[in-house]
Amino acid sequence: MNVNSFKFATFLILVVSSCFLNAQNSENYKFIRFEIAEKISFFDIDSYGNIYTIEKNNIISKYTPQGKFLYSYSNPNYGTITSFDISNPDKILIFYKDAAILLILNEQFAPLINPINLFNLNYSNISLAAFTNSNTICIFDQSNYKLI
């Protein structure tokens, strides 16, 4: 898929998603214009309709459903962001695989706790981290093919 096709597909997904997110408001249905920059490598939408983007330079940004910028977060000390979990928008989980670091941030990207260093907990090959339905952190040990 070339860059223009990717940008168009991403834009289309955002527009269609925004229509469904605004379906509760029957007074007006309007398309939300959201500019997609070439520097975006990933995006997701939380349960409130806020849009989160990860730029290729590892900056996470948060936008309103209307596309207005709210907050950004970056920590270049930990390297590349492997994944992030916004299933609970008030408690955002960011995972840096190479540094084996888990960060938990609030809705304004302020740290809720100190970073969790998985190397210090004797986990050396974790490839994925996410919150469970019971609000605990689940990690996947790739060496042992085991969920922890």
N, C-alpha and C. Protein backbone atom coordinates (compact mmCIF):
# COMPACT_ATOMS: atom_id res chain seq x y z
N MET A 1 0.86 -1.17 0.00
CA MET A 1 0.00 0.00 0.00
C MET A 1 0.90 1.23 0.00
N ASN A 2 0.66 2.14 -0.95
CA ASN A 2 1.51 3.32 -0.99
C ASN A 2 1.06 4.34 0.05
N VAL A 3 1.89 5.38 0.21
CA VAL A 3 1.65 6.36 1.27
C VAL A 3 0.32 7.07 1.09
N ASN A 4 -0.02 7.46 -0.13
CA ASN A 4 -1.28 8.17 -0.36
C ASN A 4 -2.49 7.28 -0.06
N SER A 5 -2.41 6.01 -0.42
CA SER A 5 -3.51 5.08 -0.11
C SER A 5 -3.65 4.90 1.39
N PHE A 6 -2.52 4.81 2.08
CA PHE A 6 -2.55 4.67 3.54
C PHE A 6 -3.17 5.91 4.18
N LYS A 7 -2.77 7.10 3.73
CA LYS A 7 -3.33 8.33 4.31
C LYS A 7 -4.82 8.42 4.04
N PHE A 8 -5.26 8.05 2.83
CA PHE A 8 -6.68 8.10 2.51
C PHE A 8 -7.45 7.10 3.36
N ALA A 9 -6.92 5.87 3.50
CA ALA A 9 -7.60 4.86 4.31
C ALA A 9 -7.70 5.29 5.76
N THR A 10 -6.63 5.87 6.28
CA THR A 10 -6.64 6.34 7.67
C THR A 10 -7.66 7.45 7.85
N PHE A 11 -7.69 8.39 6.91
CA PHE A 11 -8.66 9.49 6.98
C PHE A 11 -10.09 8.95 6.93
N LEU A 12 -10.32 8.00 6.03
CA LEU A 12 -11.65 7.42 5.89
C LEU A 12 -12.08 6.72 7.18
N ILE A 13 -11.18 5.99 7.80
CA ILE A 13 -11.49 5.31 9.07
C ILE A 13 -11.86 6.33 10.14
N LEU A 14 -11.11 7.42 10.22
CA LEU A 14 -11.41 8.46 11.21
C LEU A 14 -12.77 9.10 10.97
N VAL A 15 -13.08 9.37 9.72
CA VAL A 15 -14.35 10.02 9.40
C VAL A 15 -15.52 9.09 9.72
N VAL A 16 -15.40 7.83 9.29
CA VAL A 16 -16.48 6.86 9.55
C VAL A 16 -16.63 6.64 11.05
N SER A 17 -15.51 6.49 11.76
CA SER A 17 -15.57 6.30 13.21
C SER A 17 -16.23 7.48 13.89
N SER A 18 -15.91 8.67 13.44
CA SER A 18 -16.48 9.85 14.08
C SER A 18 -17.99 9.92 13.87
N CYS A 19 -18.45 9.43 12.75
CA CYS A 19 -19.90 9.42 12.51
C CYS A 19 -20.59 8.50 13.50
N PHE A 20 -20.01 7.31 13.74
CA PHE A 20 -20.60 6.39 14.69
C PHE A 20 -20.50 6.92 16.11
N LEU A 21 -19.40 7.59 16.43
CA LEU A 21 -19.23 8.12 17.77
C LEU A 21 -20.21 9.25 18.06
N ASN A 22 -20.62 9.96 17.03
CA ASN A 22 -21.56 11.06 17.20
C ASN A 22 -23.00 10.63 16.98
N ALA A 23 -23.23 9.33 16.82
CA ALA A 23 -24.58 8.85 16.52
C ALA A 23 -25.55 9.12 17.66
N GLN A 24 -25.06 9.28 18.89
CA GLN A 24 -25.95 9.55 20.01
C GLN A 24 -26.58 10.94 19.89
N ASN A 25 -25.93 11.84 19.24
CA ASN A 25 -26.42 13.20 19.07
C ASN A 25 -27.25 13.25 17.79
N SER A 26 -28.57 13.08 17.89
CA SER A 26 -29.42 13.01 16.71
C SER A 26 -29.73 14.37 16.11
N GLU A 27 -29.32 15.45 16.76
CA GLU A 27 -29.63 16.78 16.25
C GLU A 27 -28.85 17.10 14.99
N ASN A 28 -27.62 16.69 14.95
CA ASN A 28 -26.84 16.97 13.75
C ASN A 28 -25.80 15.89 13.54
N TYR A 29 -25.66 15.52 12.30
CA TYR A 29 -24.64 14.58 11.89
C TYR A 29 -23.68 15.35 11.02
N LYS A 30 -22.50 15.50 11.51
CA LYS A 30 -21.54 16.21 10.69
C LYS A 30 -20.24 15.44 10.65
N PHE A 31 -19.60 15.53 9.53
CA PHE A 31 -18.31 14.90 9.39
C PHE A 31 -17.28 15.74 10.12
N ILE A 32 -16.41 15.07 10.82
CA ILE A 32 -15.36 15.75 11.54
C ILE A 32 -14.10 15.68 10.69
N ARG A 33 -13.55 16.85 10.47
CA ARG A 33 -12.34 16.92 9.67
C ARG A 33 -11.13 16.80 10.60
N PHE A 34 -10.30 15.87 10.29
CA PHE A 34 -9.11 15.65 11.11
C PHE A 34 -7.94 15.47 10.16
N GLU A 35 -6.99 16.36 10.28
CA GLU A 35 -5.84 16.33 9.39
C GLU A 35 -4.91 15.18 9.77
N ILE A 36 -4.56 14.37 8.80
CA ILE A 36 -3.65 13.26 9.01
C ILE A 36 -2.29 13.67 8.47
N ALA A 37 -1.31 13.66 9.33
CA ALA A 37 0.04 14.02 8.93
C ALA A 37 0.79 12.75 8.52
N GLU A 38 1.78 12.92 7.67
CA GLU A 38 2.59 11.79 7.22
C GLU A 38 3.37 11.17 8.37
N LYS A 39 3.56 11.91 9.43
CA LYS A 39 4.39 11.42 10.53
C LYS A 39 3.66 10.48 11.48
N ILE A 40 2.38 10.26 11.30
CA ILE A 40 1.60 9.38 12.18
C ILE A 40 1.86 7.92 11.82
N SER A 41 2.23 7.11 12.83
CA SER A 41 2.46 5.70 12.57
C SER A 41 1.31 4.83 13.08
N PHE A 42 0.52 5.35 14.02
CA PHE A 42 -0.59 4.57 14.58
C PHE A 42 -1.59 5.51 15.23
N PHE A 43 -2.85 5.10 15.28
CA PHE A 43 -3.85 5.87 16.01
C PHE A 43 -4.88 4.93 16.60
N ASP A 44 -5.59 5.43 17.61
CA ASP A 44 -6.67 4.67 18.23
C ASP A 44 -7.69 5.67 18.78
N ILE A 45 -8.88 5.20 19.07
CA ILE A 45 -9.95 6.05 19.58
C ILE A 45 -10.47 5.44 20.88
N ASP A 46 -10.56 6.26 21.94
CA ASP A 46 -11.01 5.74 23.23
C ASP A 46 -12.54 5.75 23.31
N SER A 47 -13.05 5.30 24.45
CA SER A 47 -14.50 5.18 24.64
C SER A 47 -15.22 6.53 24.68
N TYR A 48 -14.48 7.62 24.87
CA TYR A 48 -15.07 8.96 24.86
C TYR A 48 -15.01 9.59 23.47
N GLY A 49 -14.38 8.90 22.53
CA GLY A 49 -14.23 9.43 21.18
C GLY A 49 -12.96 10.22 20.96
N ASN A 50 -12.13 10.35 22.00
CA ASN A 50 -10.85 11.04 21.83
C ASN A 50 -9.94 10.23 20.93
N ILE A 51 -9.14 10.93 20.15
CA ILE A 51 -8.25 10.30 19.19
C ILE A 51 -6.82 10.39 19.72
N TYR A 52 -6.12 9.26 19.70
CA TYR A 52 -4.74 9.20 20.13
C TYR A 52 -3.89 8.83 18.92
N THR A 53 -2.79 9.53 18.75
CA THR A 53 -1.88 9.21 17.66
C THR A 53 -0.49 8.94 18.23
N ILE A 54 0.23 8.07 17.56
CA ILE A 54 1.64 7.89 17.85
C ILE A 54 2.39 8.30 16.60
N GLU A 55 3.26 9.27 16.76
CA GLU A 55 4.07 9.72 15.64
C GLU A 55 5.30 8.85 15.54
N LYS A 56 5.92 8.86 14.38
CA LYS A 56 7.11 8.03 14.16
C LYS A 56 8.25 8.42 15.08
N ASN A 57 8.23 9.63 15.63
CA ASN A 57 9.27 10.03 16.57
C ASN A 57 8.85 9.77 18.02
N ASN A 58 7.86 8.88 18.21
CA ASN A 58 7.41 8.41 19.52
C ASN A 58 6.75 9.47 20.39
N ILE A 59 6.04 10.37 19.78
CA ILE A 59 5.23 11.33 20.52
C ILE A 59 3.78 10.84 20.45
N ILE A 60 3.17 10.67 21.62
CA ILE A 60 1.76 10.32 21.69
C ILE A 60 0.99 11.62 21.86
N SER A 61 -0.02 11.82 21.01
CA SER A 61 -0.85 13.02 21.10
C SER A 61 -2.30 12.62 21.29
N LYS A 62 -3.03 13.47 21.98
CA LYS A 62 -4.45 13.24 22.24
C LYS A 62 -5.23 14.40 21.65
N TYR A 63 -6.33 14.08 20.95
CA TYR A 63 -7.19 15.06 20.31
C TYR A 63 -8.64 14.81 20.72
N THR A 64 -9.43 15.85 20.71
CA THR A 64 -10.86 15.70 20.96
C THR A 64 -11.49 14.98 19.77
N PRO A 65 -12.73 14.53 19.91
CA PRO A 65 -13.41 13.92 18.76
C PRO A 65 -13.52 14.88 17.57
N GLN A 66 -13.45 16.18 17.84
CA GLN A 66 -13.50 17.18 16.77
C GLN A 66 -12.14 17.46 16.16
N GLY A 67 -11.08 16.83 16.68
CA GLY A 67 -9.75 16.99 16.13
C GLY A 67 -8.92 18.09 16.78
N LYS A 68 -9.39 18.66 17.90
CA LYS A 68 -8.64 19.70 18.59
C LYS A 68 -7.56 19.06 19.47
N PHE A 69 -6.32 19.54 19.32
CA PHE A 69 -5.21 19.01 20.11
C PHE A 69 -5.43 19.27 21.59
N LEU A 70 -5.15 18.25 22.42
CA LEU A 70 -5.27 18.39 23.87
C LEU A 70 -3.91 18.27 24.55
N TYR A 71 -3.25 17.11 24.42
CA TYR A 71 -2.02 16.85 25.15
C TYR A 71 -1.08 16.02 24.29
N SER A 72 0.20 16.04 24.68
CA SER A 72 1.15 15.13 24.06
C SER A 72 2.12 14.62 25.13
N TYR A 73 2.73 13.49 24.83
CA TYR A 73 3.69 12.88 25.76
C TYR A 73 4.81 12.24 24.95
N SER A 74 6.02 12.37 25.45
CA SER A 74 7.17 11.74 24.83
C SER A 74 8.21 11.48 25.90
N ASN A 75 8.87 10.35 25.78
CA ASN A 75 9.99 10.05 26.65
C ASN A 75 11.05 9.33 25.81
N PRO A 76 11.97 10.09 25.21
CA PRO A 76 12.96 9.48 24.31
C PRO A 76 13.96 8.56 25.02
N ASN A 77 14.02 8.62 26.33
CA ASN A 77 14.96 7.77 27.07
C ASN A 77 14.64 6.28 26.95
N TYR A 78 13.38 5.94 26.68
CA TYR A 78 12.97 4.54 26.66
C TYR A 78 12.94 3.93 25.26
N GLY A 79 13.18 4.71 24.23
CA GLY A 79 13.20 4.17 22.87
C GLY A 79 11.83 4.21 22.21
N THR A 80 11.59 3.21 21.39
CA THR A 80 10.38 3.14 20.58
C THR A 80 9.20 2.59 21.38
N ILE A 81 8.06 3.22 21.22
CA ILE A 81 6.83 2.73 21.85
C ILE A 81 6.40 1.47 21.10
N THR A 82 6.28 0.38 21.84
CA THR A 82 5.85 -0.88 21.24
C THR A 82 4.33 -0.95 21.17
N SER A 83 3.67 -0.55 22.25
CA SER A 83 2.21 -0.57 22.26
C SER A 83 1.69 0.38 23.33
N PHE A 84 0.41 0.71 23.21
CA PHE A 84 -0.25 1.47 24.25
C PHE A 84 -1.69 1.02 24.33
N ASP A 85 -2.25 1.12 25.53
CA ASP A 85 -3.60 0.61 25.80
C ASP A 85 -4.43 1.75 26.37
N ILE A 86 -5.49 2.11 25.64
CA ILE A 86 -6.38 3.18 26.09
C ILE A 86 -7.77 2.63 26.40
N SER A 87 -7.85 1.34 26.72
CA SER A 87 -9.15 0.75 27.04
C SER A 87 -9.78 1.44 28.25
N ASN A 88 -8.95 1.99 29.13
CA ASN A 88 -9.41 2.85 30.22
C ASN A 88 -8.76 4.21 29.98
N PRO A 89 -9.49 5.18 29.42
CA PRO A 89 -8.88 6.47 29.06
C PRO A 89 -8.34 7.26 30.25
N ASP A 90 -8.71 6.89 31.46
CA ASP A 90 -8.20 7.57 32.65
C ASP A 90 -6.91 6.93 33.16
N LYS A 91 -6.53 5.82 32.56
CA LYS A 91 -5.36 5.06 32.99
C LYS A 91 -4.73 4.44 31.73
N ILE A 92 -3.80 5.15 31.13
CA ILE A 92 -3.23 4.77 29.85
C ILE A 92 -1.93 4.00 30.07
N LEU A 93 -1.80 2.86 29.43
CA LEU A 93 -0.61 2.02 29.56
C LEU A 93 0.25 2.16 28.31
N ILE A 94 1.52 2.49 28.52
CA ILE A 94 2.49 2.58 27.42
C ILE A 94 3.58 1.55 27.68
N PHE A 95 3.92 0.78 26.64
CA PHE A 95 4.93 -0.26 26.77
C PHE A 95 6.08 0.00 25.80
N TYR A 96 7.30 0.00 26.35
CA TYR A 96 8.53 0.13 25.58
C TYR A 96 9.26 -1.21 25.67
N LYS A 97 9.18 -2.01 24.62
CA LYS A 97 9.74 -3.36 24.65
C LYS A 97 11.25 -3.36 24.84
N ASP A 98 11.98 -2.56 24.09
CA ASP A 98 13.45 -2.59 24.15
C ASP A 98 13.98 -2.22 25.53
N ALA A 99 13.31 -1.31 26.20
CA ALA A 99 13.73 -0.90 27.54
C ALA A 99 13.01 -1.70 28.62
N ALA A 100 12.03 -2.53 28.23
CA ALA A 100 11.22 -3.31 29.16
C ALA A 100 10.58 -2.40 30.22
N ILE A 101 10.00 -1.31 29.76
CA ILE A 101 9.40 -0.32 30.66
C ILE A 101 7.90 -0.24 30.40
N LEU A 102 7.14 -0.21 31.49
CA LEU A 102 5.70 0.06 31.45
C LEU A 102 5.46 1.41 32.11
N LEU A 103 4.70 2.26 31.46
CA LEU A 103 4.28 3.54 32.04
C LEU A 103 2.77 3.55 32.16
N ILE A 104 2.28 4.10 33.25
CA ILE A 104 0.84 4.28 33.41
C ILE A 104 0.61 5.77 33.61
N LEU A 105 -0.16 6.35 32.67
CA LEU A 105 -0.40 7.79 32.67
C LEU A 105 -1.88 8.07 32.86
N ASN A 106 -2.19 9.27 33.37
CA ASN A 106 -3.60 9.66 33.48
C ASN A 106 -4.08 10.25 32.16
N GLU A 107 -5.30 10.75 32.13
CA GLU A 107 -5.90 11.26 30.90
C GLU A 107 -5.20 12.49 30.35
N GLN A 108 -4.38 13.13 31.16
CA GLN A 108 -3.61 14.30 30.70
C GLN A 108 -2.14 13.95 30.50
N PHE A 109 -1.83 12.67 30.47
CA PHE A 109 -0.49 12.13 30.24
C PHE A 109 0.49 12.41 31.38
N ALA A 110 -0.01 12.60 32.57
CA ALA A 110 0.87 12.72 33.74
C ALA A 110 1.04 11.32 34.34
N PRO A 111 2.24 10.96 34.76
CA PRO A 111 2.46 9.63 35.34
C PRO A 111 1.64 9.41 36.61
N LEU A 112 1.01 8.25 36.71
CA LEU A 112 0.25 7.88 37.90
C LEU A 112 1.13 7.16 38.92
N ILE A 113 2.11 6.42 38.41
CA ILE A 113 3.07 5.72 39.27
C ILE A 113 4.45 5.82 38.63
N ASN A 114 5.47 5.40 39.36
CA ASN A 114 6.81 5.34 38.78
C ASN A 114 6.84 4.29 37.67
N PRO A 115 7.73 4.46 36.69
CA PRO A 115 7.83 3.45 35.62
C PRO A 115 8.11 2.07 36.20
N ILE A 116 7.53 1.06 35.56
CA ILE A 116 7.75 -0.33 35.97
C ILE A 116 8.82 -0.90 35.05
N ASN A 117 9.95 -1.28 35.63
CA ASN A 117 11.04 -1.87 34.87
C ASN A 117 10.92 -3.39 34.93
N LEU A 118 10.56 -3.99 33.80
CA LEU A 118 10.35 -5.44 33.78
C LEU A 118 11.64 -6.22 33.93
N PHE A 119 12.77 -5.64 33.49
CA PHE A 119 14.06 -6.31 33.70
C PHE A 119 14.33 -6.49 35.19
N ASN A 120 14.00 -5.47 35.98
CA ASN A 120 14.20 -5.56 37.44
C ASN A 120 13.30 -6.60 38.08
N LEU A 121 12.23 -6.98 37.39
CA LEU A 121 11.32 -8.00 37.90
C LEU A 121 11.62 -9.38 37.30
N ASN A 122 12.80 -9.48 36.67
CA ASN A 122 13.28 -10.72 36.05
C ASN A 122 12.47 -11.19 34.84
N TYR A 123 11.90 -10.25 34.12
CA TYR A 123 11.25 -10.55 32.84
C TYR A 123 12.13 -9.98 31.74
N SER A 124 12.66 -10.87 30.89
CA SER A 124 13.63 -10.40 29.91
C SER A 124 13.13 -10.37 28.47
N ASN A 125 12.07 -11.05 28.18
CA ASN A 125 11.63 -11.10 26.78
C ASN A 125 10.11 -10.90 26.68
N ILE A 126 9.64 -9.79 27.19
CA ILE A 126 8.21 -9.45 27.13
C ILE A 126 7.94 -8.76 25.80
N SER A 127 6.93 -9.23 25.09
CA SER A 127 6.65 -8.65 23.77
C SER A 127 5.35 -7.86 23.72
N LEU A 128 4.52 -7.97 24.76
CA LEU A 128 3.23 -7.28 24.75
C LEU A 128 2.77 -7.03 26.18
N ALA A 129 2.11 -5.90 26.37
CA ALA A 129 1.53 -5.58 27.68
C ALA A 129 0.19 -4.89 27.45
N ALA A 130 -0.79 -5.22 28.28
CA ALA A 130 -2.12 -4.61 28.16
C ALA A 130 -2.86 -4.75 29.49
N PHE A 131 -3.89 -3.92 29.65
CA PHE A 131 -4.75 -4.06 30.81
C PHE A 131 -5.76 -5.17 30.56
N THR A 132 -6.15 -5.85 31.63
CA THR A 132 -7.21 -6.85 31.55
C THR A 132 -8.53 -6.17 31.92
N ASN A 133 -9.62 -6.92 31.82
CA ASN A 133 -10.93 -6.38 32.22
C ASN A 133 -11.00 -6.08 33.70
N SER A 134 -10.17 -6.76 34.49
CA SER A 134 -10.16 -6.53 35.93
C SER A 134 -9.17 -5.43 36.34
N ASN A 135 -8.69 -4.68 35.35
CA ASN A 135 -7.81 -3.53 35.58
C ASN A 135 -6.44 -3.91 36.11
N THR A 136 -5.98 -5.11 35.79
CA THR A 136 -4.62 -5.53 36.10
C THR A 136 -3.84 -5.55 34.79
N ILE A 137 -2.52 -5.60 34.90
CA ILE A 137 -1.68 -5.62 33.71
C ILE A 137 -1.35 -7.06 33.36
N CYS A 138 -1.52 -7.39 32.10
CA CYS A 138 -1.18 -8.71 31.58
C CYS A 138 0.00 -8.52 30.62
N ILE A 139 1.04 -9.35 30.78
CA ILE A 139 2.19 -9.28 29.88
C ILE A 139 2.40 -10.64 29.23
N PHE A 140 2.97 -10.63 28.02
CA PHE A 140 3.24 -11.88 27.31
C PHE A 140 4.74 -12.12 27.28
N ASP A 141 5.15 -13.24 27.89
CA ASP A 141 6.55 -13.66 27.90
C ASP A 141 6.80 -14.47 26.63
N GLN A 142 7.50 -13.87 25.71
CA GLN A 142 7.72 -14.50 24.42
C GLN A 142 8.66 -15.71 24.51
N SER A 143 9.56 -15.71 25.46
CA SER A 143 10.49 -16.84 25.63
C SER A 143 9.75 -18.11 26.01
N ASN A 144 8.79 -17.98 26.91
CA ASN A 144 8.05 -19.13 27.42
C ASN A 144 6.65 -19.27 26.82
N TYR A 145 6.31 -18.37 25.91
CA TYR A 145 4.97 -18.36 25.31
C TYR A 145 3.89 -18.41 26.39
N LYS A 146 3.99 -17.47 27.30
CA LYS A 146 3.13 -17.51 28.48
C LYS A 146 2.57 -16.12 28.80
N LEU A 147 1.29 -16.06 29.12
CA LEU A 147 0.68 -14.83 29.63
C LEU A 147 0.91 -14.75 31.12
N ILE A 148 1.34 -13.60 31.57
CA ILE A 148 1.64 -13.42 33.00
C ILE A 148 0.76 -12.31 33.54
